[in-house]
């Protein structure tokens, strides 16, 4: 149920924010994990506000945890790989 809600609500909002590249979500017994990819750190910060608002308004008992903003250096999903010299 939460996956459908995530697809229906924050995903369309993310797509409207410049720099959006990807959104993934995973869930285990008691935690929801999400990963969004943006062109810049500033865009990621903007998206974090969208995510925080969605969690607050979702009605699910979700507690936002840590936010990490980093450069993607390897991703089989995004077709990003390391230079041959790395």
N, C-alpha and C. Protein backbone atom coordinates (compact mmCIF):
# COMPACT_ATOMS: atom_id res chain seq x y z
N UNK A 1 0.81 -1.20 0.00
CA UNK A 1 0.00 0.00 0.00
C UNK A 1 0.86 1.26 0.00
N UNK A 2 1.89 1.29 0.83
CA UNK A 2 2.71 2.50 0.88
C UNK A 2 3.44 2.72 -0.44
N UNK A 3 3.80 1.64 -1.13
CA UNK A 3 4.49 1.79 -2.42
C UNK A 3 3.59 2.48 -3.43
N UNK A 4 2.32 2.10 -3.46
CA UNK A 4 1.39 2.75 -4.38
C UNK A 4 1.18 4.22 -4.02
N UNK A 5 1.13 4.48 -2.73
CA UNK A 5 0.98 5.86 -2.27
C UNK A 5 2.21 6.68 -2.65
N UNK A 6 3.40 6.10 -2.48
CA UNK A 6 4.63 6.81 -2.85
C UNK A 6 4.67 7.08 -4.35
N UNK A 7 4.19 6.13 -5.14
CA UNK A 7 4.17 6.31 -6.59
C UNK A 7 3.15 7.38 -6.99
N UNK A 8 2.05 7.43 -6.27
CA UNK A 8 0.97 8.36 -6.62
C UNK A 8 1.21 9.78 -6.12
N UNK A 9 1.95 9.93 -5.02
CA UNK A 9 2.06 11.26 -4.44
C UNK A 9 3.43 11.91 -4.57
N UNK A 10 4.48 11.45 -3.90
CA UNK A 10 5.72 12.21 -4.03
C UNK A 10 6.37 12.07 -5.40
N UNK A 11 6.22 10.93 -6.08
CA UNK A 11 6.86 10.78 -7.39
C UNK A 11 6.44 11.86 -8.38
N UNK A 12 5.14 12.13 -8.56
CA UNK A 12 4.78 13.23 -9.47
C UNK A 12 5.33 14.58 -9.01
N UNK A 13 5.41 14.79 -7.69
CA UNK A 13 5.98 16.04 -7.19
C UNK A 13 7.46 16.12 -7.51
N UNK A 14 8.18 15.01 -7.32
CA UNK A 14 9.60 14.98 -7.65
C UNK A 14 9.83 15.30 -9.13
N UNK A 15 9.00 14.72 -9.98
CA UNK A 15 9.16 14.91 -11.43
C UNK A 15 9.01 16.37 -11.84
N UNK A 16 8.34 17.16 -11.03
CA UNK A 16 8.16 18.59 -11.33
C UNK A 16 9.34 19.44 -10.86
N UNK A 17 10.20 18.88 -10.04
CA UNK A 17 11.35 19.62 -9.53
C UNK A 17 12.49 19.47 -10.54
N UNK A 18 13.07 20.59 -10.99
CA UNK A 18 14.19 20.50 -11.93
C UNK A 18 15.32 19.64 -11.37
N UNK A 19 15.93 18.85 -12.23
CA UNK A 19 17.07 18.03 -11.84
C UNK A 19 16.73 16.62 -11.41
N UNK A 20 15.44 16.27 -11.38
CA UNK A 20 15.04 14.93 -10.97
C UNK A 20 15.61 13.90 -11.93
N UNK A 21 16.19 12.83 -11.37
CA UNK A 21 16.76 11.76 -12.17
C UNK A 21 16.12 10.41 -11.86
N UNK A 22 15.97 10.08 -10.56
CA UNK A 22 15.46 8.75 -10.20
C UNK A 22 14.88 8.76 -8.79
N UNK A 23 13.98 7.81 -8.55
CA UNK A 23 13.36 7.61 -7.24
C UNK A 23 13.20 6.11 -7.02
N UNK A 24 13.67 5.63 -5.90
CA UNK A 24 13.50 4.22 -5.52
C UNK A 24 13.04 4.18 -4.07
N UNK A 25 12.27 3.16 -3.75
CA UNK A 25 11.82 2.96 -2.36
C UNK A 25 11.92 1.48 -2.03
N UNK A 26 12.26 1.19 -0.80
CA UNK A 26 12.35 -0.19 -0.32
C UNK A 26 11.79 -0.22 1.09
N UNK A 27 11.22 -1.34 1.47
CA UNK A 27 10.63 -1.47 2.79
C UNK A 27 11.02 -2.82 3.38
N UNK A 28 11.29 -2.82 4.69
CA UNK A 28 11.46 -4.09 5.40
C UNK A 28 10.38 -4.14 6.48
N UNK A 29 10.56 -4.92 7.49
CA UNK A 29 9.52 -5.11 8.50
C UNK A 29 8.99 -3.83 9.10
N UNK A 30 9.88 -2.90 9.40
CA UNK A 30 9.42 -1.70 10.09
C UNK A 30 10.06 -0.40 9.59
N UNK A 31 10.71 -0.45 8.44
CA UNK A 31 11.34 0.76 7.94
C UNK A 31 11.11 0.92 6.44
N UNK A 32 10.98 2.16 6.03
CA UNK A 32 10.89 2.52 4.63
C UNK A 32 12.16 3.28 4.27
N UNK A 33 12.80 2.86 3.21
CA UNK A 33 14.00 3.53 2.73
C UNK A 33 13.71 4.11 1.37
N UNK A 34 14.20 5.30 1.11
CA UNK A 34 14.03 5.86 -0.23
C UNK A 34 15.36 6.45 -0.69
N UNK A 35 15.50 6.46 -2.00
CA UNK A 35 16.68 7.04 -2.63
C UNK A 35 16.19 7.87 -3.80
N UNK A 36 16.55 9.12 -3.79
CA UNK A 36 16.26 9.97 -4.94
C UNK A 36 17.59 10.47 -5.48
N UNK A 37 17.63 10.67 -6.78
CA UNK A 37 18.85 11.14 -7.43
C UNK A 37 18.53 12.43 -8.16
N UNK A 38 19.40 13.43 -7.95
CA UNK A 38 19.22 14.77 -8.50
C UNK A 38 20.50 15.21 -9.17
N UNK A 39 20.40 16.18 -10.04
CA UNK A 39 21.58 16.69 -10.74
C UNK A 39 22.49 17.48 -9.81
N UNK A 40 21.93 18.18 -8.82
CA UNK A 40 22.75 18.98 -7.91
C UNK A 40 22.32 18.75 -6.46
N UNK A 41 23.20 19.08 -5.55
CA UNK A 41 22.91 18.98 -4.13
C UNK A 41 21.78 19.94 -3.74
N UNK A 42 21.73 21.10 -4.36
CA UNK A 42 20.68 22.08 -4.05
C UNK A 42 19.31 21.51 -4.41
N UNK A 43 19.23 20.83 -5.54
CA UNK A 43 17.96 20.21 -5.94
C UNK A 43 17.58 19.11 -4.97
N UNK A 44 18.56 18.37 -4.48
CA UNK A 44 18.30 17.32 -3.49
C UNK A 44 17.74 17.91 -2.21
N UNK A 45 18.28 19.06 -1.80
CA UNK A 45 17.77 19.74 -0.60
C UNK A 45 16.31 20.15 -0.79
N UNK A 46 15.98 20.67 -1.95
CA UNK A 46 14.60 21.05 -2.25
C UNK A 46 13.70 19.83 -2.17
N UNK A 47 14.14 18.73 -2.74
CA UNK A 47 13.36 17.50 -2.73
C UNK A 47 13.18 16.95 -1.33
N UNK A 48 14.16 17.17 -0.47
CA UNK A 48 14.04 16.69 0.90
C UNK A 48 12.87 17.37 1.61
N UNK A 49 12.63 18.63 1.31
CA UNK A 49 11.47 19.32 1.88
C UNK A 49 10.19 18.66 1.39
N UNK A 50 10.13 18.32 0.11
CA UNK A 50 8.97 17.62 -0.44
C UNK A 50 8.76 16.29 0.27
N UNK A 51 9.84 15.54 0.46
CA UNK A 51 9.75 14.24 1.12
C UNK A 51 9.29 14.37 2.57
N UNK A 52 9.84 15.34 3.27
CA UNK A 52 9.46 15.55 4.67
C UNK A 52 7.98 15.90 4.79
N UNK A 53 7.51 16.74 3.91
CA UNK A 53 6.09 17.11 3.92
C UNK A 53 5.22 15.90 3.61
N UNK A 54 5.63 15.07 2.64
CA UNK A 54 4.85 13.89 2.29
C UNK A 54 4.77 12.92 3.46
N UNK A 55 5.89 12.69 4.14
CA UNK A 55 5.88 11.78 5.30
C UNK A 55 4.94 12.33 6.37
N UNK A 56 5.00 13.61 6.62
CA UNK A 56 4.14 14.22 7.64
C UNK A 56 2.66 14.09 7.29
N UNK A 57 2.34 14.23 6.01
CA UNK A 57 0.95 14.22 5.57
C UNK A 57 0.42 12.83 5.20
N UNK A 58 1.29 11.81 5.18
CA UNK A 58 0.90 10.50 4.66
C UNK A 58 -0.09 9.74 5.53
N UNK A 59 -0.08 10.01 6.83
CA UNK A 59 -0.95 9.26 7.73
C UNK A 59 -0.31 7.98 8.23
N UNK A 60 0.81 7.59 7.63
CA UNK A 60 1.54 6.41 8.10
C UNK A 60 2.40 6.81 9.28
N UNK A 61 2.70 5.84 10.11
CA UNK A 61 3.57 6.10 11.25
C UNK A 61 5.02 5.98 10.80
N UNK A 62 5.49 7.01 10.12
CA UNK A 62 6.85 7.05 9.62
C UNK A 62 7.61 8.14 10.34
N UNK A 63 8.81 7.82 10.74
CA UNK A 63 9.66 8.81 11.39
C UNK A 63 10.85 9.08 10.49
N UNK A 64 10.95 10.28 9.96
CA UNK A 64 12.12 10.58 9.12
C UNK A 64 13.40 10.38 9.93
N UNK A 65 14.35 9.74 9.31
CA UNK A 65 15.61 9.46 9.99
C UNK A 65 16.70 10.37 9.44
N UNK A 66 17.69 9.78 8.87
CA UNK A 66 18.83 10.55 8.38
C UNK A 66 18.68 10.89 6.91
N UNK A 67 19.18 12.03 6.55
CA UNK A 67 19.24 12.46 5.15
C UNK A 67 20.71 12.54 4.79
N UNK A 68 21.06 11.90 3.69
CA UNK A 68 22.43 11.94 3.19
C UNK A 68 22.41 12.47 1.76
N UNK A 69 23.26 13.42 1.49
CA UNK A 69 23.39 13.94 0.13
C UNK A 69 24.82 13.66 -0.30
N UNK A 70 24.94 12.94 -1.42
CA UNK A 70 26.26 12.53 -1.89
C UNK A 70 26.25 12.42 -3.41
N UNK A 71 27.43 12.35 -3.99
CA UNK A 71 27.57 12.18 -5.43
C UNK A 71 27.48 10.70 -5.78
N UNK A 72 26.68 10.36 -6.78
CA UNK A 72 26.59 8.98 -7.26
C UNK A 72 27.82 8.70 -8.11
N UNK A 73 28.63 7.73 -7.69
CA UNK A 73 29.84 7.39 -8.45
C UNK A 73 29.73 6.02 -9.13
N UNK A 74 28.75 5.21 -8.71
CA UNK A 74 28.52 3.92 -9.34
C UNK A 74 27.07 3.54 -9.13
N UNK A 75 26.38 3.22 -10.20
CA UNK A 75 25.00 2.80 -10.12
C UNK A 75 24.66 1.94 -11.34
N UNK A 76 24.29 0.69 -11.09
CA UNK A 76 23.88 -0.15 -12.21
C UNK A 76 22.51 0.27 -12.71
N UNK A 77 21.72 0.91 -11.88
CA UNK A 77 20.40 1.38 -12.30
C UNK A 77 20.47 2.62 -13.17
N UNK A 78 21.44 3.48 -12.90
CA UNK A 78 21.54 4.76 -13.60
C UNK A 78 22.58 4.76 -14.72
N UNK A 79 23.28 3.65 -14.90
CA UNK A 79 24.29 3.59 -15.94
C UNK A 79 25.52 4.44 -15.64
N UNK A 80 25.81 4.66 -14.36
CA UNK A 80 26.97 5.43 -13.96
C UNK A 80 28.05 4.44 -13.55
N UNK A 81 29.25 4.58 -14.11
CA UNK A 81 30.32 3.72 -13.68
C UNK A 81 31.58 4.53 -13.42
N UNK A 82 32.56 3.87 -12.86
CA UNK A 82 33.79 4.56 -12.50
C UNK A 82 34.72 4.61 -13.70
N UNK A 83 35.57 5.61 -13.77
CA UNK A 83 36.56 5.65 -14.85
C UNK A 83 37.48 4.44 -14.77
N UNK A 84 38.04 4.03 -15.88
CA UNK A 84 38.92 2.87 -15.93
C UNK A 84 40.13 3.01 -15.01
N UNK A 85 40.52 4.23 -14.71
CA UNK A 85 41.70 4.45 -13.87
C UNK A 85 41.38 4.45 -12.39
N UNK A 86 40.11 4.39 -12.03
CA UNK A 86 39.74 4.46 -10.60
C UNK A 86 39.96 3.13 -9.90
